[in-house]
PDB file of N, CA and C in Angstrom:
ATOM      1  N   MET A   1       3.978 116.353 159.167  1.00  0.00           N
ATOM      2  CA  MET A   1       3.582 114.798 159.918  1.00  0.00           C
ATOM      3  C   MET A   1       2.466 114.745 158.337  1.00  0.00           C
ATOM      4  N   ARG A   2       1.755 115.902 157.921  1.00  0.00           N
ATOM      5  CA  ARG A   2       0.779 115.288 156.747  1.00  0.00           C
ATOM      6  C   ARG A   2       1.506 114.593 155.672  1.00  0.00           C
ATOM      7  N   HIS A   3       2.818 114.989 155.495  1.00  0.00           N
ATOM      8  CA  HIS A   3       3.168 114.526 154.394  1.00  0.00           C
ATOM      9  C   HIS A   3       4.174 113.232 154.426  1.00  0.00           C
ATOM     10  N   GLU A   4       4.820 112.999 155.628  1.00  0.00           N
ATOM     11  CA  GLU A   4       5.802 112.353 155.722  1.00  0.00           C
ATOM     12  C   GLU A   4       5.460 111.341 156.857  1.00  0.00           C
ATOM     13  N   HIS A   5       4.486 111.159 157.445  1.00  0.00           N
ATOM     14  CA  HIS A   5       3.929 110.068 158.530  1.00  0.00           C
ATOM     15  C   HIS A   5       3.842 109.068 157.668  1.00  0.00           C
ATOM     16  N   PRO A   6       3.811 107.697 158.314  1.00  0.00           N
ATOM     17  CA  PRO A   6       3.587 106.529 157.572  1.00  0.00           C
ATOM     18  C   PRO A   6       1.975 106.405 157.223  1.00  0.00           C
ATOM     19  N   HIS A   7       1.158 106.844 157.861  1.00  0.00           N
ATOM     20  CA  HIS A   7      -0.444 107.154 157.827  1.00  0.00           C
ATOM     21  C   HIS A   7      -0.726 108.370 156.820  1.00  0.00           C
ATOM     22  N   ALA A   8      -0.023 109.152 156.672  1.00  0.00           N
ATOM     23  CA  ALA A   8      -0.254 110.523 155.810  1.00  0.00           C
ATOM     24  C   ALA A   8      -1.544 110.742 155.300  1.00  0.00           C
ATOM     25  N   SER A   9      -2.083 109.416 154.574  1.00  0.00           N
ATOM     26  CA  SER A   9      -2.960 109.368 153.645  1.00  0.00           C
ATOM     27  C   SER A   9      -4.524 109.564 154.717  1.00  0.00           C
ATOM     28  N   CYS A  10      -4.079 109.192 155.967  1.00  0.00           N
ATOM     29  CA  CYS A  10      -5.321 109.138 156.890  1.00  0.00           C
ATOM     30  C   CYS A  10      -5.506 110.499 157.209  1.00  0.00           C
ATOM     31  N   ILE A  11      -4.552 111.608 157.534  1.00  0.00           N
ATOM     32  CA  ILE A  11      -4.547 113.051 158.062  1.00  0.00           C
ATOM     33  C   ILE A  11      -5.108 113.886 157.029  1.00  0.00           C
ATOM     34  N   PRO A  12      -6.398 114.294 157.421  1.00  0.00           N
ATOM     35  CA  PRO A  12      -6.848 115.359 156.628  1.00  0.00           C
ATOM     36  C   PRO A  12      -6.010 116.617 156.518  1.00  0.00           C
ATOM     37  N   SER A  13      -6.385 117.171 155.344  1.00  0.00           N
ATOM     38  CA  SER A  13      -5.327 118.439 155.110  1.00  0.00           C
ATOM     39  C   SER A  13      -5.568 119.601 155.815  1.00  0.00           C
ATOM     40  N   SER A  14      -6.980 119.725 156.484  1.00  0.00           N
ATOM     41  CA  SER A  14      -6.909 120.761 157.279  1.00  0.00           C
ATOM     42  C   SER A  14      -6.639 120.547 158.794  1.00  0.00           C
ATOM     43  N   TRP A  15      -5.902 119.591 158.972  1.00  0.00           N
ATOM     44  CA  TRP A  15      -5.486 118.965 160.507  1.00  0.00           C
ATOM     45  C   TRP A  15      -4.387 119.724 160.577  1.00  0.00           C
ATOM     46  N   PRO A  16      -4.050 120.266 161.628  1.00  0.00           N
ATOM     47  CA  PRO A  16      -4.661 120.120 162.660  1.00  0.00           C
ATOM     48  C   PRO A  16      -5.621 121.557 163.060  1.00  0.00           C
ATOM     49  N   GLY A  17      -5.424 122.384 162.200  1.00  0.00           N
ATOM     50  CA  GLY A  17      -6.362 123.616 162.343  1.00  0.00           C
ATOM     51  C   GLY A  17      -6.213 124.663 163.214  1.00  0.00           C
ATOM     52  N   GLU A  18      -6.179 125.984 162.860  1.00  0.00           N
ATOM     53  CA  GLU A  18      -6.150 126.854 163.619  1.00  0.00           C
ATOM     54  C   GLU A  18      -6.290 127.052 165.317  1.00  0.00           C
ATOM     55  N   ASN A  19      -7.985 126.564 165.153  1.00  0.00           N
ATOM     56  CA  ASN A  19      -8.371 126.509 166.663  1.00  0.00           C
ATOM     57  C   ASN A  19      -7.619 125.576 167.772  1.00  0.00           C
ATOM     58  N   ILE A  20      -6.647 124.132 166.942  1.00  0.00           N
ATOM     59  CA  ILE A  20      -6.208 123.537 167.899  1.00  0.00           C
ATOM     60  C   ILE A  20      -5.057 124.158 168.227  1.00  0.00           C
ATOM     61  N   LEU A  21      -4.694 124.802 167.103  1.00  0.00           N
ATOM     62  CA  LEU A  21      -3.083 125.501 167.160  1.00  0.00           C
ATOM     63  C   LEU A  21      -3.101 126.447 168.272  1.00  0.00           C
ATOM     64  N   LEU A  22      -3.959 127.263 168.246  1.00  0.00           N
ATOM     65  CA  LEU A  22      -4.688 128.519 169.275  1.00  0.00           C
ATOM     66  C   LEU A  22      -4.570 127.860 170.819  1.00  0.00           C
ATOM     67  N   GLU A  23      -5.399 126.858 170.769  1.00  0.00           N
ATOM     68  CA  GLU A  23      -5.477 125.780 172.359  1.00  0.00           C
ATOM     69  C   GLU A  23      -4.077 125.511 172.721  1.00  0.00           C
ATOM     70  N   LEU A  24      -2.998 124.955 171.852  1.00  0.00           N
ATOM     71  CA  LEU A  24      -1.892 124.302 172.191  1.00  0.00           C
ATOM     72  C   LEU A  24      -0.844 125.510 172.377  1.00  0.00           C
ATOM     73  N   THR A  25      -1.117 126.642 171.994  1.00  0.00           N
ATOM     74  CA  THR A  25      -0.134 127.893 172.235  1.00  0.00           C
ATOM     75  C   THR A  25      -0.788 128.330 173.656  1.00  0.00           C
ATOM     76  N   LEU A  26      -1.773 128.277 173.857  1.00  0.00           N
ATOM     77  CA  LEU A  26      -2.210 128.359 175.335  1.00  0.00           C
ATOM     78  C   LEU A  26      -1.856 127.892 176.237  1.00  0.00           C
ATOM     79  N   LYS A  27      -2.046 126.309 176.045  1.00  0.00           N
ATOM     80  CA  LYS A  27      -1.473 125.476 177.001  1.00  0.00           C
ATOM     81  C   LYS A  27       0.055 125.273 177.340  1.00  0.00           C
ATOM     82  N   SER A  28       0.788 125.762 176.136  1.00  0.00           N
ATOM     83  CA  SER A  28       2.263 125.807 176.372  1.00  0.00           C
ATOM     84  C   SER A  28       2.870 126.936 177.564  1.00  0.00           C
ATOM     85  N   SER A  29       1.747 128.115 177.726  1.00  0.00           N
ATOM     86  CA  SER A  29       2.151 128.890 178.633  1.00  0.00           C
ATOM     87  C   SER A  29       3.662 129.689 178.193  1.00  0.00           C
ATOM     88  N   GLY A  30       3.733 129.917 176.667  1.00  0.00           N
ATOM     89  CA  GLY A  30       5.057 130.625 176.361  1.00  0.00           C
ATOM     90  C   GLY A  30       6.124 129.687 176.720  1.00  0.00           C
ATOM     91  N   GLN A  31       6.048 128.377 176.705  1.00  0.00           N
ATOM     92  CA  GLN A  31       7.170 127.381 176.958  1.00  0.00           C
ATOM     93  C   GLN A  31       7.500 126.660 175.573  1.00  0.00           C
ATOM     94  N   PHE A  32       8.604 127.324 174.828  1.00  0.00           N
ATOM     95  CA  PHE A  32       8.648 126.455 173.638  1.00  0.00           C
ATOM     96  C   PHE A  32       8.945 124.523 173.886  1.00  0.00           C
ATOM     97  N   ILE A  33       9.275 124.282 174.924  1.00  0.00           N
ATOM     98  CA  ILE A  33       9.423 122.595 175.112  1.00  0.00           C
ATOM     99  C   ILE A  33       8.071 122.145 175.150  1.00  0.00           C
ATOM    100  N   PHE A  34       6.844 122.785 175.328  1.00  0.00           N
ATOM    101  CA  PHE A  34       5.728 122.225 175.126  1.00  0.00           C
ATOM    102  C   PHE A  34       5.283 122.091 173.951  1.00  0.00           C
ATOM    103  N   ALA A  35       5.689 122.918 173.188  1.00  0.00           N
ATOM    104  CA  ALA A  35       5.431 122.694 171.857  1.00  0.00           C
ATOM    105  C   ALA A  35       6.354 121.584 171.189  1.00  0.00           C
ATOM    106  N   SER A  36       7.585 121.590 171.298  1.00  0.00           N
ATOM    107  CA  SER A  36       8.596 120.912 170.771  1.00  0.00           C
ATOM    108  C   SER A  36       8.132 119.238 171.094  1.00  0.00           C
ATOM    109  N   THR A  37       7.665 119.195 172.488  1.00  0.00           N
ATOM    110  CA  THR A  37       7.509 117.748 173.231  1.00  0.00           C
ATOM    111  C   THR A  37       6.053 117.196 172.109  1.00  0.00           C
ATOM    112  N   THR A  38       5.078 118.079 172.277  1.00  0.00           N
ATOM    113  CA  THR A  38       3.826 117.840 171.530  1.00  0.00           C
ATOM    114  C   THR A  38       4.212 117.479 170.163  1.00  0.00           C
ATOM    115  N   VAL A  39       5.038 118.152 169.317  1.00  0.00           N
ATOM    116  CA  VAL A  39       4.927 117.507 167.764  1.00  0.00           C
ATOM    117  C   VAL A  39       5.887 116.345 168.135  1.00  0.00           C
ATOM    118  N   LYS A  40       6.889 116.257 168.733  1.00  0.00           N
ATOM    119  CA  LYS A  40       7.711 114.849 168.674  1.00  0.00           C
ATOM    120  C   LYS A  40       6.940 113.712 169.049  1.00  0.00           C
ATOM    121  N   TYR A  41       5.827 114.291 169.872  1.00  0.00           N
ATOM    122  CA  TYR A  41       4.925 113.370 170.510  1.00  0.00           C
ATOM    123  C   TYR A  41       3.946 112.711 169.599  1.00  0.00           C
ATOM    124  N   THR A  42       3.253 113.626 168.998  1.00  0.00           N
ATOM    125  CA  THR A  42       2.167 113.681 168.060  1.00  0.00           C
ATOM    126  C   THR A  42       2.765 112.766 166.870  1.00  0.00           C
ATOM    127  N   GLY A  43       3.839 113.031 166.412  1.00  0.00           N
ATOM    128  CA  GLY A  43       4.435 112.359 165.130  1.00  0.00           C
ATOM    129  C   GLY A  43       5.376 111.015 165.325  1.00  0.00           C
ATOM    130  N   GLY A  44       5.881 110.896 166.291  1.00  0.00           N
ATOM    131  CA  GLY A  44       6.817 110.139 166.630  1.00  0.00           C
ATOM    132  C   GLY A  44       6.660 108.582 166.838  1.00  0.00           C
ATOM    133  N   ASP A  45       5.128 108.174 166.404  1.00  0.00           N
ATOM    134  CA  ASP A  45       5.163 106.743 166.718  1.00  0.00           C
ATOM    135  C   ASP A  45       4.637 106.434 165.238  1.00  0.00           C
ATOM    136  N   PRO A  46       5.335 105.331 164.250  1.00  0.00           N
ATOM    137  CA  PRO A  46       5.051 105.220 162.774  1.00  0.00           C
ATOM    138  C   PRO A  46       3.727 104.260 163.023  1.00  0.00           C
ATOM    139  N   TYR A  47       3.209 103.797 164.316  1.00  0.00           N
ATOM    140  CA  TYR A  47       1.926 102.953 164.435  1.00  0.00           C
ATOM    141  C   TYR A  47       0.751 103.600 164.562  1.00  0.00           C
ATOM    142  N   GLU A  48       0.744 104.740 165.214  1.00  0.00           N
ATOM    143  CA  GLU A  48      -0.355 105.487 165.697  1.00  0.00           C
ATOM    144  C   GLU A  48      -0.417 106.577 164.972  1.00  0.00           C
ATOM    145  N   LEU A  49      -1.826 106.994 164.917  1.00  0.00           N
ATOM    146  CA  LEU A  49      -2.157 108.004 163.949  1.00  0.00           C
ATOM    147  C   LEU A  49      -1.698 109.621 164.699  1.00  0.00           C
ATOM    148  N   PRO A  50      -1.146 110.243 163.886  1.00  0.00           N
ATOM    149  CA  PRO A  50      -0.937 111.561 165.053  1.00  0.00           C
ATOM    150  C   PRO A  50      -2.241 112.279 165.317  1.00  0.00           C
ATOM    151  N   THR A  51      -3.235 112.045 164.718  1.00  0.00           N
ATOM    152  CA  THR A  51      -4.183 113.180 165.036  1.00  0.00           C
ATOM    153  C   THR A  51      -4.934 112.406 166.170  1.00  0.00           C
ATOM    154  N   ARG A  52      -4.688 111.177 166.195  1.00  0.00           N
ATOM    155  CA  ARG A  52      -5.370 110.479 167.523  1.00  0.00           C
ATOM    156  C   ARG A  52      -4.371 110.874 169.038  1.00  0.00           C
ATOM    157  N   ARG A  53      -3.103 111.326 168.637  1.00  0.00           N
ATOM    158  CA  ARG A  53      -2.329 111.307 169.539  1.00  0.00           C
ATOM    159  C   ARG A  53      -2.250 112.456 170.121  1.00  0.00           C
ATOM    160  N   LEU A  54      -2.628 113.782 169.127  1.00  0.00           N
ATOM    161  CA  LEU A  54      -3.025 115.205 169.265  1.00  0.00           C
ATOM    162  C   LEU A  54      -4.335 115.306 170.062  1.00  0.00           C
ATOM    163  N   ASP A  55      -5.097 114.264 169.664  1.00  0.00           N
ATOM    164  CA  ASP A  55      -6.350 114.434 170.611  1.00  0.00           C
ATOM    165  C   ASP A  55      -6.003 114.090 172.032  1.00  0.00           C
ATOM    166  N   VAL A  56      -5.421 113.006 172.208  1.00  0.00           N
ATOM    167  CA  VAL A  56      -5.004 112.810 173.614  1.00  0.00           C
ATOM    168  C   VAL A  56      -4.104 113.980 174.259  1.00  0.00           C
ATOM    169  N   ILE A  57      -3.384 114.950 173.686  1.00  0.00           N
ATOM    170  CA  ILE A  57      -2.867 115.863 174.488  1.00  0.00           C
ATOM    171  C   ILE A  57      -3.821 116.869 174.650  1.00  0.00           C
ATOM    172  N   GLN A  58      -4.567 117.317 173.823  1.00  0.00           N
ATOM    173  CA  GLN A  58      -5.557 118.358 174.033  1.00  0.00           C
ATOM    174  C   GLN A  58      -6.611 117.811 175.320  1.00  0.00           C
ATOM    175  N   ARG A  59      -6.990 116.597 175.307  1.00  0.00           N
ATOM    176  CA  ARG A  59      -7.465 116.405 176.674  1.00  0.00           C
ATOM    177  C   ARG A  59      -6.891 116.122 178.067  1.00  0.00           C
ATOM    178  N   LEU A  60      -5.511 116.417 177.835  1.00  0.00           N
ATOM    179  CA  LEU A  60      -4.668 116.063 179.181  1.00  0.00           C
ATOM    180  C   LEU A  60      -5.238 117.534 180.000  1.00  0.00           C
ATOM    181  N   GLN A  61      -5.146 117.244 181.509  1.00  0.00           N
ATOM    182  CA  GLN A  61      -5.573 118.061 182.465  1.00  0.00           C
ATOM    183  C   GLN A  61      -4.622 117.984 183.666  1.00  0.00           C
ATOM    184  N   PRO A  62      -4.164 119.266 184.218  1.00  0.00           N
ATOM    185  CA  PRO A  62      -3.073 119.165 185.406  1.00  0.00           C
ATOM    186  C   PRO A  62      -3.947 118.625 186.374  1.00  0.00           C
ATOM    187  N   PRO A  63      -3.475 117.838 187.219  1.00  0.00           N
ATOM    188  CA  PRO A  63      -3.950 117.223 188.341  1.00  0.00           C
ATOM    189  C   PRO A  63      -4.691 118.123 189.339  1.00  0.00           C
ATOM    190  N   ARG A  64      -5.761 118.146 189.600  1.00  0.00           N
ATOM    191  CA  ARG A  64      -6.702 118.934 190.688  1.00  0.00           C
ATOM    192  C   ARG A  64      -5.957 119.653 191.748  1.00  0.00           C
ATOM    193  N   GLY A  65      -6.079 120.901 191.716  1.00  0.00           N
ATOM    194  CA  GLY A  65      -5.128 121.588 192.803  1.00  0.00           C
ATOM    195  C   GLY A  65      -3.698 122.257 191.922  1.00  0.00           C
ATOM    196  N   GLU A  66      -3.598 121.481 191.062  1.00  0.00           N
ATOM    197  CA  GLU A  66      -2.249 121.911 190.610  1.00  0.00           C
ATOM    198  C   GLU A  66      -2.233 122.672 189.172  1.00  0.00           C
ATOM    199  N   GLU A  67      -3.706 123.260 188.757  1.00  0.00           N
ATOM    200  CA  GLU A  67      -3.778 123.979 187.693  1.00  0.00           C
ATOM    201  C   GLU A  67      -3.009 125.290 187.448  1.00  0.00           C
ATOM    202  N   ASP A  68      -2.975 125.999 188.771  1.00  0.00           N
ATOM    203  CA  ASP A  68      -2.065 127.370 188.518  1.00  0.00           C
ATOM    204  C   ASP A  68      -0.697 127.085 189.161  1.00  0.00           C
ATOM    205  N   LEU A  69      -0.309 126.037 189.309  1.00  0.00           N
ATOM    206  CA  LEU A  69       1.329 125.932 189.527  1.00  0.00           C
ATOM    207  C   LEU A  69       2.041 126.067 188.169  1.00  0.00           C
ATOM    208  N   PRO A  70       3.100 127.025 188.111  1.00  0.00           N
ATOM    209  CA  PRO A  70       4.193 127.216 186.820  1.00  0.00           C
ATOM    210  C   PRO A  70       4.160 125.441 186.392  1.00  0.00           C
ATOM    211  N   TYR A  71       4.200 125.770 184.709  1.00  0.00           N
ATOM    212  CA  TYR A  71       4.692 124.040 184.176  1.00  0.00           C
ATOM    213  C   TYR A  71       3.224 123.129 184.359  1.00  0.00           C
ATOM    214  N   ALA A  72       2.297 123.554 184.490  1.00  0.00           N
ATOM    215  CA  ALA A  72       1.320 122.395 185.103  1.00  0.00           C
ATOM    216  C   ALA A  72       0.979 121.828 183.732  1.00  0.00           C
ATOM    217  N   GLU A  73       0.834 122.342 182.412  1.00  0.00           N
ATOM    218  CA  GLU A  73       0.716 121.567 181.468  1.00  0.00           C
ATOM    219  C   GLU A  73       1.719 120.902 181.029  1.00  0.00           C
ATOM    220  N   LEU A  74       2.699 121.369 180.900  1.00  0.00           N
ATOM    221  CA  LEU A  74       3.827 120.573 180.720  1.00  0.00           C
ATOM    222  C   LEU A  74       4.117 119.280 181.779  1.00  0.00           C
ATOM    223  N   ASN A  75       3.939 119.413 183.102  1.00  0.00           N
ATOM    224  CA  ASN A  75       4.134 118.403 183.919  1.00  0.00           C
ATOM    225  C   ASN A  75       3.264 117.435 183.465  1.00  0.00           C
ATOM    226  N   SER A  76       1.820 117.701 183.043  1.00  0.00           N
ATOM    227  CA  SER A  76       0.809 116.854 182.718  1.00  0.00           C
ATOM    228  C   SER A  76       1.295 116.088 181.203  1.00  0.00           C
ATOM    229  N   LEU A  77       1.949 116.771 180.246  1.00  0.00           N
ATOM    230  CA  LEU A  77       2.125 116.263 179.152  1.00  0.00           C
ATOM    231  C   LEU A  77       3.376 115.226 179.416  1.00  0.00           C
ATOM    232  N   TYR A  78       4.603 115.683 180.575  1.00  0.00           N
ATOM    233  CA  TYR A  78       5.847 114.672 180.465  1.00  0.00           C
ATOM    234  C   TYR A  78       5.024 113.353 181.107  1.00  0.00           C
ATOM    235  N   ASN A  79       4.047 113.750 182.021  1.00  0.00           N
ATOM    236  CA  ASN A  79       3.683 112.560 182.904  1.00  0.00           C
ATOM    237  C   ASN A  79       3.050 111.486 181.815  1.00  0.00           C
ATOM    238  N   HIS A  80       2.042 112.190 180.831  1.00  0.00           N
ATOM    239  CA  HIS A  80       1.393 111.114 180.031  1.00  0.00           C
ATOM    240  C   HIS A  80       2.356 110.276 178.893  1.00  0.00           C
ATOM    241  N   VAL A  81       3.392 111.441 178.202  1.00  0.00           N
ATOM    242  CA  VAL A  81       4.325 110.826 177.717  1.00  0.00           C
ATOM    243  C   VAL A  81       5.218 109.634 178.394  1.00  0.00           C
ATOM    244  N   LEU A  82       5.875 110.015 179.651  1.00  0.00           N
ATOM    245  CA  LEU A  82       6.373 108.905 180.092  1.00  0.00           C
ATOM    246  C   LEU A  82       5.828 107.620 180.624  1.00  0.00           C
ATOM    247  N   SER A  83       4.626 107.800 180.967  1.00  0.00           N
ATOM    248  CA  SER A  83       3.683 106.497 181.387  1.00  0.00           C
ATOM    249  C   SER A  83       3.252 105.850 180.233  1.00  0.00           C
ATOM    250  N   ASN A  84       3.520 106.248 179.090  1.00  0.00           N
ATOM    251  CA  ASN A  84       3.100 105.309 177.676  1.00  0.00           C
ATOM    252  C   ASN A  84       4.284 104.843 176.956  1.00  0.00           C
ATOM    253  N   VAL A  85       5.300 104.822 177.698  1.00  0.00           N
ATOM    254  CA  VAL A  85       6.863 104.437 176.809  1.00  0.00           C
ATOM    255  C   VAL A  85       6.707 102.900 176.614  1.00  0.00           C
ATOM    256  N   ARG A  86       7.074 102.516 175.766  1.00  0.00           N
ATOM    257  CA  ARG A  86       6.941 101.171 175.373  1.00  0.00           C
ATOM    258  C   ARG A  86       8.131 100.383 175.981  1.00  0.00           C
ATOM    259  N   ASN A  87       9.095 100.707 176.296  1.00  0.00           N
ATOM    260  CA  ASN A  87      10.660 100.124 176.493  1.00  0.00           C
ATOM    261  C   ASN A  87      11.382 100.973 177.685  1.00  0.00           C
ATOM    262  N   ILE A  88      10.284 100.949 178.922  1.00  0.00           N
ATOM    263  CA  ILE A  88      10.548 101.971 179.992  1.00  0.00           C
ATOM    264  C   ILE A  88      12.181 101.826 180.608  1.00  0.00           C
ATOM    265  N   GLU A  89      12.672 100.751 180.462  1.00  0.00           N
ATOM    266  CA  GLU A  89      13.902 100.147 180.943  1.00  0.00           C
ATOM    267  C   GLU A  89      14.865 100.940 180.095  1.00  0.00           C
ATOM    268  N   ARG A  90      15.065 100.736 178.954  1.00  0.00           N
ATOM    269  CA  ARG A  90      15.877 101.664 178.119  1.00  0.00           C
ATOM    270  C   ARG A  90      15.815 102.994 178.285  1.00  0.00           C
ATOM    271  N   VAL A  91      14.344 103.636 178.386  1.00  0.00           N
ATOM    272  CA  VAL A  91      14.429 105.455 179.197  1.00  0.00           C
ATOM    273  C   VAL A  91      15.077 105.306 180.199  1.00  0.00           C
ATOM    274  N   LYS A  92      15.083 104.273 181.355  1.00  0.00           N
ATOM    275  CA  LYS A  92      15.683 104.561 182.343  1.00  0.00           C
ATOM    276  C   LYS A  92      17.034 104.924 182.138  1.00  0.00           C
ATOM    277  N   GLN A  93      17.452 103.986 181.358  1.00  0.00           N
ATOM    278  CA  GLN A  93      18.703 103.903 181.488  1.00  0.00           C
ATOM    279  C   GLN A  93      19.445 105.166 180.668  1.00  0.00           C
ATOM    280  N   VAL A  94      18.960 105.548 179.481  1.00  0.00           N
ATOM    281  CA  VAL A  94      19.264 106.894 178.932  1.00  0.00           C
ATOM    282  C   VAL A  94      19.065 107.968 179.855  1.00  0.00           C
ATOM    283  N   LEU A  95      18.339 107.881 180.627  1.00  0.00           N
ATOM    284  CA  LEU A  95      18.151 109.261 181.606  1.00  0.00           C
ATOM    285  C   LEU A  95      19.015 109.047 182.600  1.00  0.00           C
ATOM    286  N   GLY A  96      19.598 108.003 183.140  1.00  0.00           N
ATOM    287  CA  GLY A  96      20.579 107.805 183.885  1.00  0.00           C
ATOM    288  C   GLY A  96      21.719 108.215 183.490  1.00  0.00           C
ATOM    289  N   VAL A  97      22.304 108.215 182.304  1.00  0.00           N
ATOM    290  CA  VAL A  97      23.303 108.407 181.616  1.00  0.00           C
ATOM    291  C   VAL A  97      23.454 110.037 181.683  1.00  0.00           C
ATOM    292  N   LEU A  98      22.313 110.801 181.467  1.00  0.00           N
ATOM    293  CA  LEU A  98      22.165 111.855 181.085  1.00  0.00           C
ATOM    294  C   LEU A  98      22.072 112.582 182.363  1.00  0.00           C
ATOM    295  N   LEU A  99      21.492 111.908 183.615  1.00  0.00           N
ATOM    296  CA  LEU A  99      21.547 112.688 184.880  1.00  0.00           C
ATOM    297  C   LEU A  99      22.819 112.246 185.951  1.00  0.00           C
ATOM    298  N   VAL A 100      22.975 111.076 185.841  1.00  0.00           N
ATOM    299  CA  VAL A 100      24.113 110.656 186.604  1.00  0.00           C
ATOM    300  C   VAL A 100      25.801 110.566 186.148  1.00  0.00           C
ATOM    301  N   VAL A 101      25.572 110.098 185.016  1.00  0.00           N
ATOM    302  CA  VAL A 101      27.121 109.675 184.171  1.00  0.00           C
ATOM    303  C   VAL A 101      27.570 111.504 183.613  1.00  0.00           C
ATOM    304  N   ASN A 102      26.790 111.830 182.879  1.00  0.00           N
ATOM    305  CA  ASN A 102      27.152 113.112 182.752  1.00  0.00           C
ATOM    306  C   ASN A 102      27.927 114.076 183.350  1.00  0.00           C
ATOM    307  N   PRO A 103      26.865 114.420 184.440  1.00  0.00           N
ATOM    308  CA  PRO A 103      27.702 115.218 186.046  1.00  0.00           C
ATOM    309  C   PRO A 103      28.521 114.635 186.571  1.00  0.00           C
ATOM    310  N   VAL A 104      28.728 113.477 186.801  1.00  0.00           N
ATOM    311  CA  VAL A 104      29.946 112.865 187.474  1.00  0.00           C
ATOM    312  C   VAL A 104      31.027 113.004 186.660  1.00  0.00           C
ATOM    313  N   LEU A 105      30.981 112.618 185.450  1.00  0.00           N
ATOM    314  CA  LEU A 105      32.254 112.691 184.423  1.00  0.00           C
ATOM    315  C   LEU A 105      32.653 113.771 183.785  1.00  0.00           C
ATOM    316  N   GLY A 106      31.599 114.667 183.824  1.00  0.00           N
ATOM    317  CA  GLY A 106      31.853 115.895 183.363  1.00  0.00           C
ATOM    318  C   GLY A 106      33.221 116.725 184.023  1.00  0.00           C
ATOM    319  N   GLY A 107      33.345 116.361 185.022  1.00  0.00           N
ATOM    320  CA  GLY A 107      34.787 116.857 185.598  1.00  0.00           C
ATOM    321  C   GLY A 107      36.044 116.658 185.354  1.00  0.00           C
ATOM    322  N   TYR A 108      35.755 115.441 184.564  1.00  0.00           N
ATOM    323  CA  TYR A 108      37.494 114.800 183.969  1.00  0.00           C
ATOM    324  C   TYR A 108      37.528 115.285 182.894  1.00  0.00           C
ATOM    325  N   ARG A 109      39.023 115.914 182.679  1.00  0.00           N
ATOM    326  CA  ARG A 109      39.762 116.378 181.492  1.00  0.00           C
ATOM    327  C   ARG A 109      39.540 115.203 180.340  1.00  0.00           C
ATOM    328  N   GLY A 110      38.838 115.727 179.198  1.00  0.00           N
ATOM    329  CA  GLY A 110      38.708 115.032 178.122  1.00  0.00           C
ATOM    330  C   GLY A 110      37.416 114.384 177.861  1.00  0.00           C
ATOM    331  N   PHE A 111      36.661 114.138 179.011  1.00  0.00           N
ATOM    332  CA  PHE A 111      35.036 113.774 179.131  1.00  0.00           C
ATOM    333  C   PHE A 111      34.603 114.649 178.154  1.00  0.00           C
ATOM    334  N   LYS A 112      33.786 114.374 176.862  1.00  0.00           N
ATOM    335  CA  LYS A 112      32.814 115.137 176.151  1.00  0.00           C
ATOM    336  C   LYS A 112      31.424 114.785 176.807  1.00  0.00           C
ATOM    337  N   PRO A 113      30.893 115.476 176.960  1.00  0.00           N
ATOM    338  CA  PRO A 113      29.250 115.336 177.840  1.00  0.00           C
ATOM    339  C   PRO A 113      28.610 114.483 176.740  1.00  0.00           C
ATOM    340  N   MET A 114      27.601 113.859 176.751  1.00  0.00           N
ATOM    341  CA  MET A 114      26.673 113.498 175.729  1.00  0.00           C
ATOM    342  C   MET A 114      25.553 114.191 175.803  1.00  0.00           C
ATOM    343  N   ASP A 115      25.546 114.455 174.565  1.00  0.00           N
ATOM    344  CA  ASP A 115      24.835 115.718 174.507  1.00  0.00           C
ATOM    345  C   ASP A 115      23.598 115.551 173.162  1.00  0.00           C
ATOM    346  N   SER A 116      23.904 114.420 172.559  1.00  0.00           N
ATOM    347  CA  SER A 116      23.033 114.051 171.451  1.00  0.00           C
ATOM    348  C   SER A 116      22.593 112.612 171.376  1.00  0.00           C
ATOM    349  N   THR A 117      21.547 111.952 170.790  1.00  0.00           N
ATOM    350  CA  THR A 117      20.833 110.749 170.681  1.00  0.00           C
ATOM    351  C   THR A 117      22.264 109.903 170.050  1.00  0.00           C
ATOM    352  N   GLY A 118      23.226 110.310 169.215  1.00  0.00           N
ATOM    353  CA  GLY A 118      24.265 109.608 168.543  1.00  0.00           C
ATOM    354  C   GLY A 118      25.338 109.498 169.782  1.00  0.00           C
ATOM    355  N   ASP A 119      25.320 110.263 170.608  1.00  0.00           N
ATOM    356  CA  ASP A 119      26.590 110.240 171.747  1.00  0.00           C
ATOM    357  C   ASP A 119      25.762 108.928 173.034  1.00  0.00           C
ATOM    358  N   VAL A 120      24.548 108.718 173.118  1.00  0.00           N
ATOM    359  CA  VAL A 120      23.948 108.135 173.915  1.00  0.00           C
ATOM    360  C   VAL A 120      24.083 106.906 173.096  1.00  0.00           C
ATOM    361  N   ASP A 121      23.866 106.810 172.013  1.00  0.00           N
ATOM    362  CA  ASP A 121      23.591 105.266 171.147  1.00  0.00           C
ATOM    363  C   ASP A 121      25.270 104.555 171.185  1.00  0.00           C
ATOM    364  N   LYS A 122      26.238 105.576 171.328  1.00  0.00           N
ATOM    365  CA  LYS A 122      27.547 105.060 171.064  1.00  0.00           C
ATOM    366  C   LYS A 122      27.908 104.703 172.598  1.00  0.00           C
ATOM    367  N   PHE A 123      27.461 105.337 173.466  1.00  0.00           N
ATOM    368  CA  PHE A 123      27.802 104.769 174.961  1.00  0.00           C
ATOM    369  C   PHE A 123      27.139 103.588 175.252  1.00  0.00           C
ATOM    370  N   PHE A 124      26.270 103.317 174.839  1.00  0.00           N
ATOM    371  CA  PHE A 124      25.669 101.877 174.856  1.00  0.00           C
ATOM    372  C   PHE A 124      25.746 100.782 173.979  1.00  0.00           C
ATOM    373  N   PHE A 125      26.504 101.034 172.770  1.00  0.00           N
ATOM    374  CA  PHE A 125      26.799 100.330 171.827  1.00  0.00           C
ATOM    375  C   PHE A 125      25.742 100.015 171.053  1.00  0.00           C
ATOM    376  N   TRP A 126      24.810 101.018 170.933  1.00  0.00           N
ATOM    377  CA  TRP A 126      23.187 100.309 170.163  1.00  0.00           C
ATOM    378  C   TRP A 126      23.383 100.714 168.697  1.00  0.00           C
TER     379      TRP A 126
END
């Protein structure tokens, strides 16, 4: 991100720093999906600074009473990401295809489940 993001010139060369990486490692509870989602969210918006987006992730806390539940940090991350989507209707369409169309049509011979963004784009003619 420090080299390829549209706002790369605003990102300090020392960012994110070992202490932040350690903190994120602990939050991930060994779940690679937490790290993957964090990276995609942090660098995924060309209009926002990755440093600010990572700051938001660092401040996320599981809801009171859920701190000890499995995947509490991951749930907080997903909740934040999905609640800040710019085009929620399109997200609902994609999730609908992945959660409904794939399983329903998966039993038909010749149907190739959609497992990439390209497959979903073709399905919607995007």
